[in-house]
Structure formats: structure tokens, C-alpha cells
Amino acid sequence: MVCIKKNTYICSEKQKAIIINPLTKNIMNKTELVNAMAEKTGMTKVAAKAAMNACFATIQEQLNKGQKVSLIGFGTFSVVERKARTAKNPQTGEKVKVPAKKVAKFKAGSSMLAKKGAKKVAKKK
């Protein structure tokens, strides 16, 4: 990539100008993750993408069944129930009822946090 002006680059392969948002430039997308997996494992990109999609699909299936998926050293995926609540529409100011729903939750494992030097936050009582 060649920088032509601040936050605008030309990709040498396609000669197409792209704008990079400085707030999101450090975010890895799915394609970049597949490329990194392929490079680290020696797999082809097609095989790495298939493996990643299978992993995500399996996690999603287990969460849909209401089960937890615990990956030692990485973290735990689970499903939690959010209670019904009343919210406020910021544009009109009127109150809106938000129904109860189930949402996916991820909790990072302690060894994952330790590797990054993150500190655990004490729970408030």
C-alpha cells in the first residue's frame, strides 16, 4: 500500500484508493484472521476458512441448545437471559418496552487475560 494522503492509501495490486478510518485500523476482520490462521498452520486459505467457519458454526449450535462452550486458556461462551425493561427513545423521549431475550456472552479466560497483562476488575457488592 502506498499512502497518497492522510488515511488514504492505494493498494498496489488493485490500484484502488481506500480510506482507512484511524479509529478502526487496528481491528482484524474475518479475511485477515483466515489469512493469519493459514500462515500459522501451513493450511491453504480455503481450508483455514472452512475450519474457522466449522468452529463458529459448532459454537453457535451449542449456544442455540443452551449449552456453554468452554475453551481452556481462551474463554467461555454462554447464553444469558436479559430481563424485560423499559428504555427511552433518544429521539422522541418516549418510553419503549424492551422484551426479555437471550443473548450470547463471552468471558475471557484468566490465562488469556494474564498474557495481555490485563487486570481483573473486582466485582462491586
N, C-alpha and C. Protein backbone atom coordinates (compact mmCIF):
# COMPACT_ATOMS: atom_id res chain seq x y z
N MET A 1 0.83 -1.19 0.00
CA MET A 1 0.00 0.00 0.00
C MET A 1 0.88 1.25 0.00
N VAL A 2 0.44 2.22 -0.72
CA VAL A 2 1.15 3.49 -0.80
C VAL A 2 0.22 4.59 -0.30
N CYS A 3 0.72 5.39 0.64
CA CYS A 3 -0.09 6.48 1.19
C CYS A 3 -0.07 7.65 0.21
N ILE A 4 -1.26 8.12 -0.21
CA ILE A 4 -1.31 9.27 -1.12
C ILE A 4 -1.70 10.54 -0.37
N LYS A 5 -2.42 10.40 0.72
CA LYS A 5 -2.69 11.50 1.63
C LYS A 5 -3.15 10.89 2.94
N LYS A 6 -3.32 11.67 3.97
CA LYS A 6 -3.65 11.16 5.29
C LYS A 6 -4.87 10.24 5.24
N ASN A 7 -4.71 9.02 5.75
CA ASN A 7 -5.76 8.00 5.84
C ASN A 7 -6.27 7.51 4.49
N THR A 8 -5.59 7.80 3.39
CA THR A 8 -5.99 7.31 2.07
C THR A 8 -4.81 6.59 1.46
N TYR A 9 -5.02 5.35 1.04
CA TYR A 9 -3.95 4.52 0.54
C TYR A 9 -4.33 3.92 -0.80
N ILE A 10 -3.33 3.59 -1.61
CA ILE A 10 -3.55 2.87 -2.86
C ILE A 10 -2.94 1.50 -2.70
N CYS A 11 -3.76 0.49 -2.92
CA CYS A 11 -3.30 -0.89 -2.88
C CYS A 11 -2.60 -1.18 -4.21
N SER A 12 -1.35 -1.60 -4.16
CA SER A 12 -0.57 -1.77 -5.39
C SER A 12 -1.15 -2.83 -6.31
N GLU A 13 -1.87 -3.82 -5.77
CA GLU A 13 -2.42 -4.87 -6.61
C GLU A 13 -3.60 -4.38 -7.43
N LYS A 14 -4.47 -3.59 -6.83
CA LYS A 14 -5.70 -3.20 -7.50
C LYS A 14 -5.71 -1.75 -7.95
N GLN A 15 -4.75 -0.95 -7.51
CA GLN A 15 -4.67 0.48 -7.82
C GLN A 15 -6.00 1.19 -7.51
N LYS A 16 -6.56 0.85 -6.37
CA LYS A 16 -7.82 1.44 -5.96
C LYS A 16 -7.58 2.18 -4.65
N ALA A 17 -8.01 3.43 -4.58
CA ALA A 17 -7.82 4.20 -3.36
C ALA A 17 -8.80 3.72 -2.30
N ILE A 18 -8.28 3.48 -1.10
CA ILE A 18 -9.14 3.10 0.01
C ILE A 18 -8.89 4.05 1.16
N ILE A 19 -9.93 4.33 1.92
CA ILE A 19 -9.81 5.21 3.08
C ILE A 19 -9.80 4.34 4.32
N ILE A 20 -8.82 4.57 5.17
CA ILE A 20 -8.71 3.82 6.41
C ILE A 20 -9.12 4.72 7.56
N ASN A 21 -10.12 4.27 8.30
CA ASN A 21 -10.58 5.01 9.47
C ASN A 21 -9.56 4.81 10.58
N PRO A 22 -8.96 5.89 11.10
CA PRO A 22 -7.93 5.73 12.13
C PRO A 22 -8.46 5.10 13.41
N LEU A 23 -9.78 5.17 13.65
CA LEU A 23 -10.34 4.57 14.86
C LEU A 23 -10.46 3.06 14.74
N THR A 24 -10.56 2.54 13.53
CA THR A 24 -10.75 1.10 13.34
C THR A 24 -9.59 0.43 12.63
N LYS A 25 -8.47 1.08 12.45
CA LYS A 25 -7.38 0.50 11.67
C LYS A 25 -6.73 -0.69 12.37
N ASN A 26 -6.91 -0.85 13.67
CA ASN A 26 -6.30 -1.95 14.40
C ASN A 26 -7.27 -3.11 14.62
N ILE A 27 -8.37 -3.15 13.87
CA ILE A 27 -9.35 -4.22 14.01
C ILE A 27 -9.11 -5.26 12.92
N MET A 28 -8.99 -6.52 13.34
CA MET A 28 -8.78 -7.60 12.38
C MET A 28 -10.15 -8.09 11.90
N ASN A 29 -10.33 -8.18 10.60
CA ASN A 29 -11.58 -8.70 10.07
C ASN A 29 -11.44 -10.20 9.79
N LYS A 30 -12.53 -10.81 9.32
CA LYS A 30 -12.54 -12.26 9.12
C LYS A 30 -11.51 -12.71 8.09
N THR A 31 -11.37 -11.98 7.00
CA THR A 31 -10.41 -12.34 5.97
C THR A 31 -8.99 -12.31 6.51
N GLU A 32 -8.66 -11.29 7.28
CA GLU A 32 -7.32 -11.19 7.87
C GLU A 32 -7.08 -12.32 8.87
N LEU A 33 -8.12 -12.70 9.61
CA LEU A 33 -7.99 -13.82 10.55
C LEU A 33 -7.75 -15.12 9.81
N VAL A 34 -8.48 -15.35 8.73
CA VAL A 34 -8.27 -16.55 7.91
C VAL A 34 -6.85 -16.57 7.36
N ASN A 35 -6.37 -15.45 6.87
CA ASN A 35 -5.00 -15.38 6.33
C ASN A 35 -3.97 -15.69 7.41
N ALA A 36 -4.17 -15.15 8.62
CA ALA A 36 -3.24 -15.40 9.72
C ALA A 36 -3.27 -16.87 10.13
N MET A 37 -4.46 -17.46 10.17
CA MET A 37 -4.56 -18.89 10.51
C MET A 37 -3.86 -19.74 9.47
N ALA A 38 -4.06 -19.42 8.20
CA ALA A 38 -3.43 -20.19 7.13
C ALA A 38 -1.91 -20.10 7.22
N GLU A 39 -1.41 -18.92 7.50
CA GLU A 39 0.04 -18.72 7.60
C GLU A 39 0.63 -19.48 8.78
N LYS A 40 -0.05 -19.44 9.95
CA LYS A 40 0.49 -20.08 11.14
C LYS A 40 0.39 -21.59 11.10
N THR A 41 -0.62 -22.12 10.42
CA THR A 41 -0.81 -23.57 10.40
C THR A 41 -0.25 -24.25 9.16
N GLY A 42 0.04 -23.48 8.13
CA GLY A 42 0.50 -24.07 6.88
C GLY A 42 -0.64 -24.58 6.02
N MET A 43 -1.88 -24.31 6.44
CA MET A 43 -3.05 -24.72 5.67
C MET A 43 -3.25 -23.74 4.51
N THR A 44 -4.05 -24.16 3.55
CA THR A 44 -4.43 -23.22 2.50
C THR A 44 -5.47 -22.27 3.09
N LYS A 45 -5.67 -21.14 2.43
CA LYS A 45 -6.66 -20.18 2.90
C LYS A 45 -8.06 -20.76 2.85
N VAL A 46 -8.34 -21.57 1.84
CA VAL A 46 -9.65 -22.20 1.71
C VAL A 46 -9.89 -23.16 2.88
N ALA A 47 -8.88 -23.97 3.22
CA ALA A 47 -9.00 -24.91 4.32
C ALA A 47 -9.12 -24.17 5.66
N ALA A 48 -8.36 -23.10 5.84
CA ALA A 48 -8.43 -22.31 7.07
C ALA A 48 -9.80 -21.67 7.23
N LYS A 49 -10.35 -21.17 6.13
CA LYS A 49 -11.69 -20.57 6.18
C LYS A 49 -12.73 -21.62 6.53
N ALA A 50 -12.62 -22.80 5.94
CA ALA A 50 -13.57 -23.88 6.23
C ALA A 50 -13.48 -24.30 7.70
N ALA A 51 -12.27 -24.40 8.22
CA ALA A 51 -12.08 -24.79 9.62
C ALA A 51 -12.66 -23.73 10.56
N MET A 52 -12.41 -22.47 10.24
CA MET A 52 -12.93 -21.39 11.09
C MET A 52 -14.45 -21.34 11.04
N ASN A 53 -15.03 -21.49 9.86
CA ASN A 53 -16.49 -21.49 9.73
C ASN A 53 -17.10 -22.67 10.48
N ALA A 54 -16.45 -23.83 10.43
CA ALA A 54 -16.94 -25.00 11.16
C ALA A 54 -16.88 -24.77 12.66
N CYS A 55 -15.82 -24.13 13.13
CA CYS A 55 -15.67 -23.81 14.55
C CYS A 55 -16.78 -22.87 15.00
N PHE A 56 -17.00 -21.80 14.23
CA PHE A 56 -18.05 -20.83 14.58
C PHE A 56 -19.43 -21.47 14.55
N ALA A 57 -19.68 -22.32 13.55
CA ALA A 57 -20.98 -22.97 13.42
C ALA A 57 -21.23 -23.91 14.60
N THR A 58 -20.20 -24.63 15.02
CA THR A 58 -20.34 -25.55 16.15
C THR A 58 -20.61 -24.79 17.44
N ILE A 59 -19.91 -23.69 17.66
CA ILE A 59 -20.16 -22.87 18.84
C ILE A 59 -21.58 -22.35 18.82
N GLN A 60 -22.03 -21.87 17.67
CA GLN A 60 -23.38 -21.34 17.53
C GLN A 60 -24.43 -22.42 17.79
N GLU A 61 -24.23 -23.63 17.29
CA GLU A 61 -25.16 -24.73 17.52
C GLU A 61 -25.29 -25.03 19.01
N GLN A 62 -24.17 -25.08 19.70
CA GLN A 62 -24.20 -25.38 21.13
C GLN A 62 -24.88 -24.27 21.92
N LEU A 63 -24.64 -23.02 21.55
CA LEU A 63 -25.31 -21.90 22.24
C LEU A 63 -26.81 -21.93 21.98
N ASN A 64 -27.21 -22.31 20.76
CA ASN A 64 -28.64 -22.41 20.45
C ASN A 64 -29.32 -23.50 21.28
N LYS A 65 -28.55 -24.51 21.67
CA LYS A 65 -29.08 -25.57 22.53
C LYS A 65 -29.08 -25.14 24.00
N GLY A 66 -28.48 -23.99 24.30
CA GLY A 66 -28.42 -23.50 25.67
C GLY A 66 -27.21 -24.00 26.44
N GLN A 67 -26.25 -24.60 25.75
CA GLN A 67 -25.07 -25.13 26.41
C GLN A 67 -23.93 -24.12 26.39
N LYS A 68 -23.00 -24.29 27.33
CA LYS A 68 -21.79 -23.46 27.37
C LYS A 68 -20.72 -24.12 26.52
N VAL A 69 -19.82 -23.30 25.99
CA VAL A 69 -18.65 -23.80 25.27
C VAL A 69 -17.44 -23.19 25.98
N SER A 70 -16.66 -24.05 26.62
CA SER A 70 -15.50 -23.60 27.38
C SER A 70 -14.23 -24.04 26.68
N LEU A 71 -13.40 -23.08 26.33
CA LEU A 71 -12.12 -23.35 25.68
C LEU A 71 -11.02 -22.97 26.67
N ILE A 72 -10.42 -23.97 27.29
CA ILE A 72 -9.42 -23.74 28.32
C ILE A 72 -8.29 -22.88 27.76
N GLY A 73 -7.96 -21.83 28.48
CA GLY A 73 -6.89 -20.92 28.07
C GLY A 73 -7.37 -19.80 27.15
N PHE A 74 -8.63 -19.86 26.72
CA PHE A 74 -9.17 -18.82 25.84
C PHE A 74 -10.35 -18.12 26.49
N GLY A 75 -11.41 -18.88 26.75
CA GLY A 75 -12.58 -18.28 27.38
C GLY A 75 -13.80 -19.17 27.28
N THR A 76 -14.94 -18.62 27.72
CA THR A 76 -16.18 -19.38 27.75
C THR A 76 -17.29 -18.61 27.05
N PHE A 77 -17.98 -19.29 26.14
CA PHE A 77 -19.16 -18.74 25.50
C PHE A 77 -20.37 -19.31 26.24
N SER A 78 -21.36 -18.47 26.51
CA SER A 78 -22.57 -18.93 27.18
C SER A 78 -23.75 -18.09 26.72
N VAL A 79 -24.95 -18.52 27.13
CA VAL A 79 -26.17 -17.79 26.83
C VAL A 79 -26.74 -17.28 28.14
N VAL A 80 -27.10 -16.01 28.17
CA VAL A 80 -27.71 -15.43 29.36
C VAL A 80 -29.05 -14.82 28.99
N GLU A 81 -29.94 -14.77 29.96
CA GLU A 81 -31.28 -14.22 29.77
C GLU A 81 -31.27 -12.77 30.24
N ARG A 82 -31.65 -11.86 29.35
CA ARG A 82 -31.79 -10.45 29.74
C ARG A 82 -33.25 -10.23 30.13
N LYS A 83 -33.46 -9.54 31.23
CA LYS A 83 -34.81 -9.27 31.70
C LYS A 83 -35.48 -8.21 30.83
N ALA A 84 -36.81 -8.23 30.83
CA ALA A 84 -37.55 -7.18 30.14
C ALA A 84 -37.31 -5.87 30.89
N ARG A 85 -37.31 -4.77 30.15
CA ARG A 85 -37.06 -3.47 30.78
C ARG A 85 -37.74 -2.37 30.00
N THR A 86 -37.75 -1.20 30.58
CA THR A 86 -38.28 -0.03 29.90
C THR A 86 -37.12 0.87 29.53
N ALA A 87 -37.06 1.26 28.25
CA ALA A 87 -35.99 2.13 27.77
C ALA A 87 -36.60 3.42 27.26
N LYS A 88 -35.73 4.37 26.92
CA LYS A 88 -36.18 5.67 26.43
C LYS A 88 -35.65 5.88 25.01
N ASN A 89 -36.55 6.23 24.09
CA ASN A 89 -36.15 6.55 22.73
C ASN A 89 -35.42 7.89 22.76
N PRO A 90 -34.15 7.96 22.39
CA PRO A 90 -33.40 9.20 22.49
C PRO A 90 -33.89 10.31 21.56
N GLN A 91 -34.53 9.95 20.45
CA GLN A 91 -35.00 10.97 19.52
C GLN A 91 -36.32 11.59 19.96
N THR A 92 -37.24 10.75 20.43
CA THR A 92 -38.56 11.28 20.80
C THR A 92 -38.75 11.44 22.30
N GLY A 93 -37.95 10.73 23.09
CA GLY A 93 -38.07 10.82 24.53
C GLY A 93 -39.15 9.92 25.10
N GLU A 94 -39.88 9.20 24.25
CA GLU A 94 -40.94 8.33 24.74
C GLU A 94 -40.37 7.03 25.30
N LYS A 95 -41.10 6.42 26.22
CA LYS A 95 -40.67 5.18 26.84
C LYS A 95 -41.05 4.01 25.94
N VAL A 96 -40.14 3.07 25.83
CA VAL A 96 -40.33 1.90 24.98
C VAL A 96 -40.08 0.66 25.83
N LYS A 97 -40.94 -0.35 25.68
CA LYS A 97 -40.74 -1.60 26.40
C LYS A 97 -39.83 -2.51 25.58
N VAL A 98 -38.77 -2.98 26.21
CA VAL A 98 -37.83 -3.89 25.57
C VAL A 98 -38.11 -5.28 26.16
N PRO A 99 -38.49 -6.25 25.33
CA PRO A 99 -38.83 -7.57 25.84
C PRO A 99 -37.60 -8.34 26.33
N ALA A 100 -37.83 -9.35 27.15
CA ALA A 100 -36.75 -10.22 27.61
C ALA A 100 -36.21 -10.99 26.41
N LYS A 101 -34.92 -11.28 26.44
CA LYS A 101 -34.34 -12.06 25.35
C LYS A 101 -33.07 -12.77 25.83
N LYS A 102 -32.68 -13.75 25.05
CA LYS A 102 -31.44 -14.48 25.33
C LYS A 102 -30.35 -13.91 24.44
N VAL A 103 -29.16 -13.71 25.03
CA VAL A 103 -28.03 -13.18 24.27
C VAL A 103 -26.79 -14.02 24.55
N ALA A 104 -25.88 -14.02 23.60
CA ALA A 104 -24.61 -14.72 23.75
C ALA A 104 -23.67 -13.86 24.59
N LYS A 105 -22.85 -14.53 25.39
CA LYS A 105 -21.90 -13.84 26.27
C LYS A 105 -20.56 -14.54 26.15
N PHE A 106 -19.49 -13.76 26.20
CA PHE A 106 -18.14 -14.33 26.18
C PHE A 106 -17.39 -13.81 27.39
N LYS A 107 -16.76 -14.72 28.12
CA LYS A 107 -15.93 -14.34 29.26
C LYS A 107 -14.52 -14.86 28.98
N ALA A 108 -13.56 -13.93 28.91
CA ALA A 108 -12.18 -14.31 28.63
C ALA A 108 -11.61 -15.12 29.77
N GLY A 109 -10.81 -16.11 29.43
CA GLY A 109 -10.16 -16.95 30.43
C GLY A 109 -9.06 -16.19 31.15
N SER A 110 -8.76 -16.64 32.36
CA SER A 110 -7.76 -15.94 33.17
C SER A 110 -6.37 -15.99 32.54
N SER A 111 -6.02 -17.10 31.88
CA SER A 111 -4.69 -17.17 31.26
C SER A 111 -4.61 -16.25 30.05
N MET A 112 -5.74 -16.03 29.37
CA MET A 112 -5.75 -15.09 28.25
C MET A 112 -5.54 -13.67 28.75
N LEU A 113 -6.18 -13.33 29.85
CA LEU A 113 -6.02 -12.00 30.42
C LEU A 113 -4.61 -11.81 30.96
N ALA A 114 -4.04 -12.85 31.53
CA ALA A 114 -2.69 -12.75 32.10
C ALA A 114 -1.65 -12.50 31.01
N LYS A 115 -1.86 -13.07 29.83
CA LYS A 115 -0.90 -12.90 28.74
C LYS A 115 -0.85 -11.46 28.27
N LYS A 116 -1.97 -10.78 28.30
CA LYS A 116 -2.04 -9.41 27.84
C LYS A 116 -1.70 -8.41 28.94
N GLY A 117 -1.50 -8.90 30.17
CA GLY A 117 -1.19 -8.01 31.26
C GLY A 117 -2.41 -7.28 31.79
N ALA A 118 -3.60 -7.76 31.45
CA ALA A 118 -4.83 -7.12 31.91
C ALA A 118 -5.05 -7.47 33.36
N LYS A 119 -5.70 -6.57 34.07
CA LYS A 119 -6.02 -6.80 35.47
C LYS A 119 -7.48 -7.17 35.59
N LYS A 120 -7.76 -8.12 36.48
CA LYS A 120 -9.15 -8.46 36.74
C LYS A 120 -9.78 -7.35 37.55
N VAL A 121 -10.98 -7.00 37.21
CA VAL A 121 -11.69 -5.95 37.93
C VAL A 121 -12.48 -6.58 39.05
N ALA A 122 -12.34 -6.03 40.24
CA ALA A 122 -13.06 -6.55 41.40
C ALA A 122 -14.55 -6.24 41.24
N LYS A 123 -15.37 -7.23 41.60
CA LYS A 123 -16.82 -7.04 41.49
C LYS A 123 -17.29 -6.14 42.61
N LYS A 124 -18.21 -5.23 42.28
CA LYS A 124 -18.80 -4.35 43.29
C LYS A 124 -19.88 -5.11 44.03
N LYS A 125 -19.96 -4.87 45.32
CA LYS A 125 -21.00 -5.54 46.13
C LYS A 125 -22.16 -4.61 46.36
